Amino acid sequence: MLIITTLKKLEYGCHVNSLYLGCFFYADDLILLSAAILELRLVLDTCCTIGIDLGLSFKAKKSQCLMIGPNIKIAPAALSINSMPLAWVDKIKCLGVWIRGD
């Protein structure tokens, strides 16, 4: 919950009206949402910092980035977790459901 409250306090991630929708947890999975790649970089850095404080680590090999919207043809900026690069993909599987960027 510390990640959610910290991201919400910093106002990182997505909001709909006054409802914060910047991250979701399910079991040991974490989904981060951001309307901008630069802000997503801040979200990832914040999560890594909190993870270090809590003794948690994020695995870049098991993490992926997906861009959705009209700019998906533009090459996205490189993102990383703990100095390890994240892969950009055109679809992800989350809780048994495929989410596509196009």
PDB file of N, CA and C in Angstrom:
ATOM      1  N   MET A   1       0.816  -1.194   0.000  1.00  0.00           N
ATOM      2  CA  MET A   1       0.000   0.000   0.000  1.00  0.00           C
ATOM      3  C   MET A   1       0.864   1.264   0.000  1.00  0.00           C
ATOM      4  N   LEU A   2       2.096   1.151   0.471  1.00  0.00           N
ATOM      5  CA  LEU A   2       2.973   2.320   0.505  1.00  0.00           C
ATOM      6  C   LEU A   2       3.223   2.865  -0.892  1.00  0.00           C
ATOM      7  N   ILE A   3       3.334   1.976  -1.873  1.00  0.00           N
ATOM      8  CA  ILE A   3       3.551   2.426  -3.249  1.00  0.00           C
ATOM      9  C   ILE A   3       2.346   3.226  -3.725  1.00  0.00           C
ATOM     10  N   ILE A   4       1.151   2.716  -3.482  1.00  0.00           N
ATOM     11  CA  ILE A   4      -0.063   3.414  -3.926  1.00  0.00           C
ATOM     12  C   ILE A   4      -0.170   4.781  -3.263  1.00  0.00           C
ATOM     13  N   THR A   5      -0.015   4.846  -1.959  1.00  0.00           N
ATOM     14  CA  THR A   5      -0.172   6.121  -1.266  1.00  0.00           C
ATOM     15  C   THR A   5       0.905   7.123  -1.673  1.00  0.00           C
ATOM     16  N   THR A   6       2.120   6.647  -1.881  1.00  0.00           N
ATOM     17  CA  THR A   6       3.191   7.550  -2.296  1.00  0.00           C
ATOM     18  C   THR A   6       2.952   8.094  -3.696  1.00  0.00           C
ATOM     19  N   LEU A   7       2.613   7.218  -4.657  1.00  0.00           N
ATOM     20  CA  LEU A   7       2.346   7.667  -6.022  1.00  0.00           C
ATOM     21  C   LEU A   7       1.149   8.616  -6.060  1.00  0.00           C
ATOM     22  N   LYS A   8       0.133   8.322  -5.285  1.00  0.00           N
ATOM     23  CA  LYS A   8      -1.058   9.186  -5.229  1.00  0.00           C
ATOM     24  C   LYS A   8      -0.698  10.550  -4.651  1.00  0.00           C
ATOM     25  N   LYS A   9       0.094  10.561  -3.592  1.00  0.00           N
ATOM     26  CA  LYS A   9       0.504  11.820  -2.962  1.00  0.00           C
ATOM     27  C   LYS A   9       1.346  12.667  -3.926  1.00  0.00           C
ATOM     28  N   LEU A  10       2.229  12.013  -4.685  1.00  0.00           N
ATOM     29  CA  LEU A  10       3.068  12.721  -5.655  1.00  0.00           C
ATOM     30  C   LEU A  10       2.308  13.084  -6.926  1.00  0.00           C
ATOM     31  N   GLU A  11       1.062  12.559  -7.041  1.00  0.00           N
ATOM     32  CA  GLU A  11       0.204  12.772  -8.204  1.00  0.00           C
ATOM     33  C   GLU A  11       0.804  12.203  -9.482  1.00  0.00           C
ATOM     34  N   TYR A  12       1.535  11.075  -9.351  1.00  0.00           N
ATOM     35  CA  TYR A  12       2.073  10.358 -10.508  1.00  0.00           C
ATOM     36  C   TYR A  12       1.062   9.322 -10.957  1.00  0.00           C
ATOM     37  N   GLY A  13       0.913   9.171 -12.250  1.00  0.00           N
ATOM     38  CA  GLY A  13       0.023   8.150 -12.779  1.00  0.00           C
ATOM     39  C   GLY A  13      -1.286   8.737 -13.249  1.00  0.00           C
ATOM     40  N   CYS A  14      -2.222   7.875 -13.563  1.00  0.00           N
ATOM     41  CA  CYS A  14      -3.498   8.297 -14.154  1.00  0.00           C
ATOM     42  C   CYS A  14      -4.543   8.621 -13.092  1.00  0.00           C
ATOM     43  N   HIS A  15      -5.363   9.615 -13.427  1.00  0.00           N
ATOM     44  CA  HIS A  15      -6.497  10.014 -12.594  1.00  0.00           C
ATOM     45  C   HIS A  15      -7.720  10.150 -13.499  1.00  0.00           C
ATOM     46  N   VAL A  16      -8.863   9.743 -13.000  1.00  0.00           N
ATOM     47  CA  VAL A  16     -10.130   9.988 -13.669  1.00  0.00           C
ATOM     48  C   VAL A  16     -10.971  10.776 -12.679  1.00  0.00           C
ATOM     49  N   ASN A  17     -11.236  12.032 -13.046  1.00  0.00           N
ATOM     50  CA  ASN A  17     -11.837  12.983 -12.111  1.00  0.00           C
ATOM     51  C   ASN A  17     -10.937  13.024 -10.872  1.00  0.00           C
ATOM     52  N   SER A  18     -11.444  12.706  -9.711  1.00  0.00           N
ATOM     53  CA  SER A  18     -10.604  12.724  -8.516  1.00  0.00           C
ATOM     54  C   SER A  18     -10.170  11.315  -8.085  1.00  0.00           C
ATOM     55  N   LEU A  19     -10.471  10.313  -8.897  1.00  0.00           N
ATOM     56  CA  LEU A  19     -10.137   8.928  -8.572  1.00  0.00           C
ATOM     57  C   LEU A  19      -8.747   8.579  -9.093  1.00  0.00           C
ATOM     58  N   TYR A  20      -7.881   8.101  -8.221  1.00  0.00           N
ATOM     59  CA  TYR A  20      -6.525   7.724  -8.609  1.00  0.00           C
ATOM     60  C   TYR A  20      -6.526   6.314  -9.196  1.00  0.00           C
ATOM     61  N   LEU A  21      -6.016   6.189 -10.422  1.00  0.00           N
ATOM     62  CA  LEU A  21      -5.938   4.901 -11.108  1.00  0.00           C
ATOM     63  C   LEU A  21      -4.526   4.666 -11.643  1.00  0.00           C
ATOM     64  N   GLY A  22      -3.527   5.058 -10.902  1.00  0.00           N
ATOM     65  CA  GLY A  22      -2.142   4.984 -11.368  1.00  0.00           C
ATOM     66  C   GLY A  22      -1.472   3.644 -11.176  1.00  0.00           C
ATOM     67  N   CYS A  23      -1.984   2.796 -10.288  1.00  0.00           N
ATOM     68  CA  CYS A  23      -1.383   1.472 -10.127  1.00  0.00           C
ATOM     69  C   CYS A  23      -2.407   0.500  -9.546  1.00  0.00           C
ATOM     70  N   PHE A  24      -2.210  -0.743  -9.920  1.00  0.00           N
ATOM     71  CA  PHE A  24      -3.076  -1.823  -9.482  1.00  0.00           C
ATOM     72  C   PHE A  24      -2.212  -2.988  -9.020  1.00  0.00           C
ATOM     73  N   PHE A  25      -2.643  -3.641  -7.949  1.00  0.00           N
ATOM     74  CA  PHE A  25      -1.949  -4.823  -7.439  1.00  0.00           C
ATOM     75  C   PHE A  25      -2.868  -6.021  -7.556  1.00  0.00           C
ATOM     76  N   TYR A  26      -2.293  -7.164  -7.875  1.00  0.00           N
ATOM     77  CA  TYR A  26      -2.997  -8.430  -7.770  1.00  0.00           C
ATOM     78  C   TYR A  26      -1.942  -9.476  -7.441  1.00  0.00           C
ATOM     79  N   ALA A  27      -2.063 -10.094  -6.274  1.00  0.00           N
ATOM     80  CA  ALA A  27      -1.067 -11.058  -5.794  1.00  0.00           C
ATOM     81  C   ALA A  27       0.307 -10.390  -5.825  1.00  0.00           C
ATOM     82  N   ASP A  28       1.243 -10.923  -6.619  1.00  0.00           N
ATOM     83  CA  ASP A  28       2.577 -10.314  -6.677  1.00  0.00           C
ATOM     84  C   ASP A  28       2.789  -9.510  -7.962  1.00  0.00           C
ATOM     85  N   ASP A  29       1.685  -9.166  -8.633  1.00  0.00           N
ATOM     86  CA  ASP A  29       1.763  -8.377  -9.858  1.00  0.00           C
ATOM     87  C   ASP A  29       1.430  -6.920  -9.572  1.00  0.00           C
ATOM     88  N   LEU A  30       2.092  -6.039 -10.289  1.00  0.00           N
ATOM     89  CA  LEU A  30       1.877  -4.605 -10.159  1.00  0.00           C
ATOM     90  C   LEU A  30       1.721  -4.033 -11.557  1.00  0.00           C
ATOM     91  N   ILE A  31       0.640  -3.309 -11.782  1.00  0.00           N
ATOM     92  CA  ILE A  31       0.404  -2.642 -13.059  1.00  0.00           C
ATOM     93  C   ILE A  31       0.486  -1.149 -12.800  1.00  0.00           C
ATOM     94  N   LEU A  32       1.355  -0.464 -13.540  1.00  0.00           N
ATOM     95  CA  LEU A  32       1.526   0.977 -13.416  1.00  0.00           C
ATOM     96  C   LEU A  32       0.968   1.643 -14.667  1.00  0.00           C
ATOM     97  N   LEU A  33       0.184   2.695 -14.483  1.00  0.00           N
ATOM     98  CA  LEU A  33      -0.407   3.426 -15.603  1.00  0.00           C
ATOM     99  C   LEU A  33       0.040   4.876 -15.560  1.00  0.00           C
ATOM    100  N   SER A  34       0.365   5.393 -16.725  1.00  0.00           N
ATOM    101  CA  SER A  34       0.745   6.796 -16.830  1.00  0.00           C
ATOM    102  C   SER A  34       0.369   7.287 -18.218  1.00  0.00           C
ATOM    103  N   ALA A  35      -0.033   8.553 -18.305  1.00  0.00           N
ATOM    104  CA  ALA A  35      -0.395   9.138 -19.590  1.00  0.00           C
ATOM    105  C   ALA A  35       0.832   9.628 -20.360  1.00  0.00           C
ATOM    106  N   ALA A  36       1.992   9.656 -19.707  1.00  0.00           N
ATOM    107  CA  ALA A  36       3.211  10.159 -20.350  1.00  0.00           C
ATOM    108  C   ALA A  36       4.405   9.284 -19.975  1.00  0.00           C
ATOM    109  N   ILE A  37       5.273   9.052 -20.930  1.00  0.00           N
ATOM    110  CA  ILE A  37       6.446   8.206 -20.683  1.00  0.00           C
ATOM    111  C   ILE A  37       7.385   8.848 -19.672  1.00  0.00           C
ATOM    112  N   LEU A  38       7.555  10.164 -19.737  1.00  0.00           N
ATOM    113  CA  LEU A  38       8.433  10.831 -18.770  1.00  0.00           C
ATOM    114  C   LEU A  38       7.918  10.655 -17.342  1.00  0.00           C
ATOM    115  N   GLU A  39       6.601  10.720 -17.178  1.00  0.00           N
ATOM    116  CA  GLU A  39       6.030  10.501 -15.856  1.00  0.00           C
ATOM    117  C   GLU A  39       6.166   9.033 -15.446  1.00  0.00           C
ATOM    118  N   LEU A  40       6.042   8.129 -16.411  1.00  0.00           N
ATOM    119  CA  LEU A  40       6.219   6.702 -16.106  1.00  0.00           C
ATOM    120  C   LEU A  40       7.622   6.446 -15.573  1.00  0.00           C
ATOM    121  N   ARG A  41       8.606   7.142 -16.107  1.00  0.00           N
ATOM    122  CA  ARG A  41       9.975   7.010 -15.594  1.00  0.00           C
ATOM    123  C   ARG A  41      10.027   7.422 -14.120  1.00  0.00           C
ATOM    124  N   LEU A  42       9.336   8.494 -13.741  1.00  0.00           N
ATOM    125  CA  LEU A  42       9.277   8.918 -12.333  1.00  0.00           C
ATOM    126  C   LEU A  42       8.560   7.874 -11.478  1.00  0.00           C
ATOM    127  N   VAL A  43       7.496   7.284 -12.029  1.00  0.00           N
ATOM    128  CA  VAL A  43       6.757   6.243 -11.312  1.00  0.00           C
ATOM    129  C   VAL A  43       7.666   5.044 -11.050  1.00  0.00           C
ATOM    130  N   LEU A  44       8.390   4.608 -12.083  1.00  0.00           N
ATOM    131  CA  LEU A  44       9.300   3.467 -11.918  1.00  0.00           C
ATOM    132  C   LEU A  44      10.396   3.765 -10.901  1.00  0.00           C
ATOM    133  N   ASP A  45      10.975   4.956 -10.969  1.00  0.00           N
ATOM    134  CA  ASP A  45      12.025   5.326 -10.012  1.00  0.00           C
ATOM    135  C   ASP A  45      11.483   5.342  -8.589  1.00  0.00           C
ATOM    136  N   THR A  46      10.280   5.872  -8.415  1.00  0.00           N
ATOM    137  CA  THR A  46       9.659   5.916  -7.086  1.00  0.00           C
ATOM    138  C   THR A  46       9.402   4.501  -6.572  1.00  0.00           C
ATOM    139  N   CYS A  47       8.877   3.624  -7.425  1.00  0.00           N
ATOM    140  CA  CYS A  47       8.621   2.235  -7.019  1.00  0.00           C
ATOM    141  C   CYS A  47       9.916   1.525  -6.639  1.00  0.00           C
ATOM    142  N   CYS A  48      10.978   1.752  -7.395  1.00  0.00           N
ATOM    143  CA  CYS A  48      12.270   1.123  -7.079  1.00  0.00           C
ATOM    144  C   CYS A  48      12.804   1.603  -5.734  1.00  0.00           C
ATOM    145  N   THR A  49      12.677   2.903  -5.478  1.00  0.00           N
ATOM    146  CA  THR A  49      13.139   3.455  -4.200  1.00  0.00           C
ATOM    147  C   THR A  49      12.360   2.860  -3.034  1.00  0.00           C
ATOM    148  N   ILE A  50      11.048   2.796  -3.160  1.00  0.00           N
ATOM    149  CA  ILE A  50      10.215   2.206  -2.108  1.00  0.00           C
ATOM    150  C   ILE A  50      10.531   0.724  -1.960  1.00  0.00           C
ATOM    151  N   GLY A  51      10.720   0.042  -3.084  1.00  0.00           N
ATOM    152  CA  GLY A  51      11.070  -1.379  -3.033  1.00  0.00           C
ATOM    153  C   GLY A  51      12.354  -1.629  -2.269  1.00  0.00           C
ATOM    154  N   ILE A  52      13.353  -0.800  -2.493  1.00  0.00           N
ATOM    155  CA  ILE A  52      14.631  -0.935  -1.767  1.00  0.00           C
ATOM    156  C   ILE A  52      14.397  -0.758  -0.276  1.00  0.00           C
ATOM    157  N   ASP A  53      13.597   0.262   0.087  1.00  0.00           N
ATOM    158  CA  ASP A  53      13.300   0.506   1.504  1.00  0.00           C
ATOM    159  C   ASP A  53      12.568  -0.668   2.154  1.00  0.00           C
ATOM    160  N   LEU A  54      11.741  -1.362   1.367  1.00  0.00           N
ATOM    161  CA  LEU A  54      10.955  -2.489   1.894  1.00  0.00           C
ATOM    162  C   LEU A  54      11.634  -3.843   1.699  1.00  0.00           C
ATOM    163  N   GLY A  55      12.785  -3.851   1.045  1.00  0.00           N
ATOM    164  CA  GLY A  55      13.473  -5.109   0.781  1.00  0.00           C
ATOM    165  C   GLY A  55      12.866  -5.877  -0.379  1.00  0.00           C
ATOM    166  N   LEU A  56      12.186  -5.179  -1.284  1.00  0.00           N
ATOM    167  CA  LEU A  56      11.577  -5.805  -2.460  1.00  0.00           C
ATOM    168  C   LEU A  56      12.389  -5.456  -3.689  1.00  0.00           C
ATOM    169  N   SER A  57      12.359  -6.339  -4.664  1.00  0.00           N
ATOM    170  CA  SER A  57      13.044  -6.028  -5.923  1.00  0.00           C
ATOM    171  C   SER A  57      12.100  -6.280  -7.078  1.00  0.00           C
ATOM    172  N   PHE A  58      12.226  -5.457  -8.099  1.00  0.00           N
ATOM    173  CA  PHE A  58      11.449  -5.608  -9.319  1.00  0.00           C
ATOM    174  C   PHE A  58      12.348  -6.251 -10.358  1.00  0.00           C
ATOM    175  N   LYS A  59      11.830  -7.190 -11.090  1.00  0.00           N
ATOM    176  CA  LYS A  59      12.615  -7.920 -12.083  1.00  0.00           C
ATOM    177  C   LYS A  59      12.318  -7.389 -13.480  1.00  0.00           C
ATOM    178  N   ALA A  60      13.329  -6.797 -14.102  1.00  0.00           N
ATOM    179  CA  ALA A  60      13.162  -6.221 -15.438  1.00  0.00           C
ATOM    180  C   ALA A  60      12.819  -7.304 -16.470  1.00  0.00           C
ATOM    181  N   LYS A  61      13.363  -8.497 -16.317  1.00  0.00           N
ATOM    182  CA  LYS A  61      13.095  -9.567 -17.282  1.00  0.00           C
ATOM    183  C   LYS A  61      11.633 -10.008 -17.269  1.00  0.00           C
ATOM    184  N   LYS A  62      10.951  -9.807 -16.135  1.00  0.00           N
ATOM    185  CA  LYS A  62       9.550 -10.203 -16.036  1.00  0.00           C
ATOM    186  C   LYS A  62       8.613  -9.014 -16.222  1.00  0.00           C
ATOM    187  N   SER A  63       9.174  -7.844 -16.533  1.00  0.00           N
ATOM    188  CA  SER A  63       8.383  -6.621 -16.679  1.00  0.00           C
ATOM    189  C   SER A  63       8.365  -6.159 -18.128  1.00  0.00           C
ATOM    190  N   GLN A  64       7.266  -5.546 -18.515  1.00  0.00           N
ATOM    191  CA  GLN A  64       7.125  -5.066 -19.888  1.00  0.00           C
ATOM    192  C   GLN A  64       6.393  -3.732 -19.892  1.00  0.00           C
ATOM    193  N   CYS A  65       6.628  -2.969 -20.957  1.00  0.00           N
ATOM    194  CA  CYS A  65       5.936  -1.701 -21.168  1.00  0.00           C
ATOM    195  C   CYS A  65       5.069  -1.810 -22.408  1.00  0.00           C
ATOM    196  N   LEU A  66       3.893  -1.218 -22.344  1.00  0.00           N
ATOM    197  CA  LEU A  66       2.960  -1.220 -23.462  1.00  0.00           C
ATOM    198  C   LEU A  66       2.459   0.200 -23.663  1.00  0.00           C
ATOM    199  N   MET A  67       2.536   0.669 -24.902  1.00  0.00           N
ATOM    200  CA  MET A  67       2.035   1.990 -25.225  1.00  0.00           C
ATOM    201  C   MET A  67       0.703   1.825 -25.938  1.00  0.00           C
ATOM    202  N   ILE A  68      -0.295   2.605 -25.505  1.00  0.00           N
ATOM    203  CA  ILE A  68      -1.631   2.553 -26.087  1.00  0.00           C
ATOM    204  C   ILE A  68      -1.999   3.958 -26.554  1.00  0.00           C
ATOM    205  N   GLY A  69      -2.573   4.054 -27.743  1.00  0.00           N
ATOM    206  CA  GLY A  69      -3.031   5.351 -28.220  1.00  0.00           C
ATOM    207  C   GLY A  69      -2.499   5.693 -29.584  1.00  0.00           C
ATOM    208  N   PRO A  70      -2.742   6.932 -30.017  1.00  0.00           N
ATOM    209  CA  PRO A  70      -2.405   7.319 -31.390  1.00  0.00           C
ATOM    210  C   PRO A  70      -0.907   7.418 -31.671  1.00  0.00           C
ATOM    211  N   ASN A  71      -0.076   7.493 -30.674  1.00  0.00           N
ATOM    212  CA  ASN A  71       1.365   7.655 -30.884  1.00  0.00           C
ATOM    213  C   ASN A  71       2.151   6.355 -30.804  1.00  0.00           C
ATOM    214  N   ILE A  72       1.492   5.203 -30.925  1.00  0.00           N
ATOM    215  CA  ILE A  72       2.196   3.932 -30.753  1.00  0.00           C
ATOM    216  C   ILE A  72       3.204   3.655 -31.852  1.00  0.00           C
ATOM    217  N   LYS A  73       3.125   4.373 -32.965  1.00  0.00           N
ATOM    218  CA  LYS A  73       4.096   4.174 -34.054  1.00  0.00           C
ATOM    219  C   LYS A  73       5.415   4.895 -33.778  1.00  0.00           C
ATOM    220  N   ILE A  74       5.412   5.801 -32.809  1.00  0.00           N
ATOM    221  CA  ILE A  74       6.624   6.547 -32.450  1.00  0.00           C
ATOM    222  C   ILE A  74       7.474   5.680 -31.537  1.00  0.00           C
ATOM    223  N   ALA A  75       8.777   5.651 -31.778  1.00  0.00           N
ATOM    224  CA  ALA A  75       9.675   4.853 -30.928  1.00  0.00           C
ATOM    225  C   ALA A  75       9.664   5.419 -29.506  1.00  0.00           C
ATOM    226  N   PRO A  76       9.328   4.606 -28.523  1.00  0.00           N
ATOM    227  CA  PRO A  76       9.265   5.091 -27.141  1.00  0.00           C
ATOM    228  C   PRO A  76      10.652   5.246 -26.524  1.00  0.00           C
ATOM    229  N   ALA A  77      10.694   6.047 -25.493  1.00  0.00           N
ATOM    230  CA  ALA A  77      11.943   6.247 -24.756  1.00  0.00           C
ATOM    231  C   ALA A  77      12.313   4.981 -23.996  1.00  0.00           C
ATOM    232  N   ALA A  78      13.601   4.803 -23.790  1.00  0.00           N
ATOM    233  CA  ALA A  78      14.073   3.650 -23.021  1.00  0.00           C
ATOM    234  C   ALA A  78      13.736   3.846 -21.542  1.00  0.00           C
ATOM    235  N   LEU A  79      13.202   2.802 -20.948  1.00  0.00           N
ATOM    236  CA  LEU A  79      12.889   2.806 -19.517  1.00  0.00           C
ATOM    237  C   LEU A  79      13.613   1.643 -18.865  1.00  0.00           C
ATOM    238  N   SER A  80      13.860   1.776 -17.565  1.00  0.00           N
ATOM    239  CA  SER A  80      14.572   0.711 -16.861  1.00  0.00           C
ATOM    240  C   SER A  80      14.074   0.592 -15.427  1.00  0.00           C
ATOM    241  N   ILE A  81      14.372  -0.557 -14.853  1.00  0.00           N
ATOM    242  CA  ILE A  81      14.147  -0.816 -13.427  1.00  0.00           C
ATOM    243  C   ILE A  81      15.486  -1.248 -12.857  1.00  0.00           C
ATOM    244  N   ASN A  82      15.931  -0.566 -11.824  1.00  0.00           N
ATOM    245  CA  ASN A  82      17.224  -0.887 -11.196  1.00  0.00           C
ATOM    246  C   ASN A  82      18.338  -0.997 -12.238  1.00  0.00           C
ATOM    247  N   SER A  83      18.369  -0.058 -13.155  1.00  0.00           N
ATOM    248  CA  SER A  83      19.381   0.032 -14.224  1.00  0.00           C
ATOM    249  C   SER A  83      19.293  -1.093 -15.256  1.00  0.00           C
ATOM    250  N   MET A  84      18.245  -1.890 -15.231  1.00  0.00           N
ATOM    251  CA  MET A  84      18.029  -2.946 -16.218  1.00  0.00           C
ATOM    252  C   MET A  84      16.929  -2.489 -17.178  1.00  0.00           C
ATOM    253  N   PRO A  85      17.178  -2.588 -18.493  1.00  0.00           N
ATOM    254  CA  PRO A  85      16.196  -2.083 -19.459  1.00  0.00           C
ATOM    255  C   PRO A  85      14.898  -2.892 -19.477  1.00  0.00           C
ATOM    256  N   LEU A  86      13.805  -2.188 -19.734  1.00  0.00           N
ATOM    257  CA  LEU A  86      12.498  -2.820 -19.874  1.00  0.00           C
ATOM    258  C   LEU A  86      12.169  -2.984 -21.356  1.00  0.00           C
ATOM    259  N   ALA A  87      11.499  -4.053 -21.676  1.00  0.00           N
ATOM    260  CA  ALA A  87      11.107  -4.319 -23.061  1.00  0.00           C
ATOM    261  C   ALA A  87       9.792  -3.623 -23.376  1.00  0.00           C
ATOM    262  N   TRP A  88       9.722  -3.006 -24.551  1.00  0.00           N
ATOM    263  CA  TRP A  88       8.471  -2.466 -25.073  1.00  0.00           C
ATOM    264  C   TRP A  88       7.826  -3.549 -25.935  1.00  0.00           C
ATOM    265  N   VAL A  89       6.553  -3.821 -25.704  1.00  0.00           N
ATOM    266  CA  VAL A  89       5.838  -4.871 -26.429  1.00  0.00           C
ATOM    267  C   VAL A  89       4.567  -4.297 -27.045  1.00  0.00           C
ATOM    268  N   ASP A  90       3.975  -5.037 -27.977  1.00  0.00           N
ATOM    269  CA  ASP A  90       2.732  -4.567 -28.593  1.00  0.00           C
ATOM    270  C   ASP A  90       1.493  -5.191 -27.955  1.00  0.00           C
ATOM    271  N   LYS A  91       1.705  -6.153 -27.033  1.00  0.00           N
ATOM    272  CA  LYS A  91       0.592  -6.734 -26.275  1.00  0.00           C
ATOM    273  C   LYS A  91       1.139  -7.364 -25.001  1.00  0.00           C
ATOM    274  N   ILE A  92       0.296  -7.423 -23.984  1.00  0.00           N
ATOM    275  CA  ILE A  92       0.655  -8.068 -22.725  1.00  0.00           C
ATOM    276  C   ILE A  92      -0.509  -8.935 -22.269  1.00  0.00           C
ATOM    277  N   LYS A  93      -0.190  -9.927 -21.465  1.00  0.00           N
ATOM    278  CA  LYS A  93      -1.231 -10.770 -20.888  1.00  0.00           C
ATOM    279  C   LYS A  93      -1.311 -10.441 -19.407  1.00  0.00           C
ATOM    280  N   CYS A  94      -2.491 -10.056 -18.960  1.00  0.00           N
ATOM    281  CA  CYS A  94      -2.695  -9.670 -17.562  1.00  0.00           C
ATOM    282  C   CYS A  94      -3.929 -10.393 -17.032  1.00  0.00           C
ATOM    283  N   LEU A  95      -3.729 -11.216 -16.025  1.00  0.00           N
ATOM    284  CA  LEU A  95      -4.827 -11.980 -15.419  1.00  0.00           C
ATOM    285  C   LEU A  95      -5.601 -12.769 -16.459  1.00  0.00           C
ATOM    286  N   GLY A  96      -4.878 -13.339 -17.421  1.00  0.00           N
ATOM    287  CA  GLY A  96      -5.483 -14.170 -18.439  1.00  0.00           C
ATOM    288  C   GLY A  96      -6.101 -13.422 -19.609  1.00  0.00           C
ATOM    289  N   VAL A  97      -5.986 -12.102 -19.607  1.00  0.00           N
ATOM    290  CA  VAL A  97      -6.570 -11.280 -20.666  1.00  0.00           C
ATOM    291  C   VAL A  97      -5.452 -10.608 -21.447  1.00  0.00           C
ATOM    292  N   TRP A  98      -5.497 -10.677 -22.768  1.00  0.00           N
ATOM    293  CA  TRP A  98      -4.518 -10.010 -23.620  1.00  0.00           C
ATOM    294  C   TRP A  98      -4.939  -8.557 -23.821  1.00  0.00           C
ATOM    295  N   ILE A  99      -3.988  -7.656 -23.617  1.00  0.00           N
ATOM    296  CA  ILE A  99      -4.204  -6.223 -23.856  1.00  0.00           C
ATOM    297  C   ILE A  99      -3.268  -5.830 -24.981  1.00  0.00           C
ATOM    298  N   ARG A 100      -3.839  -5.250 -26.050  1.00  0.00           N
ATOM    299  CA  ARG A 100      -3.063  -4.865 -27.225  1.00  0.00           C
ATOM    300  C   ARG A 100      -2.946  -3.342 -27.286  1.00  0.00           C
ATOM    301  N   GLY A 101      -1.823  -2.883 -27.812  1.00  0.00           N
ATOM    302  CA  GLY A 101      -1.583  -1.456 -27.906  1.00  0.00           C
ATOM    303  C   GLY A 101      -2.226  -0.790 -29.104  1.00  0.00           C
ATOM    304  N   ASP A 102      -2.631  -1.572 -30.095  1.00  0.00           N
ATOM    305  CA  ASP A 102      -3.187  -0.946 -31.302  1.00  0.00           C
ATOM    306  C   ASP A 102      -4.692  -0.826 -31.274  1.00  0.00           C
TER     307      ASP A 102
END
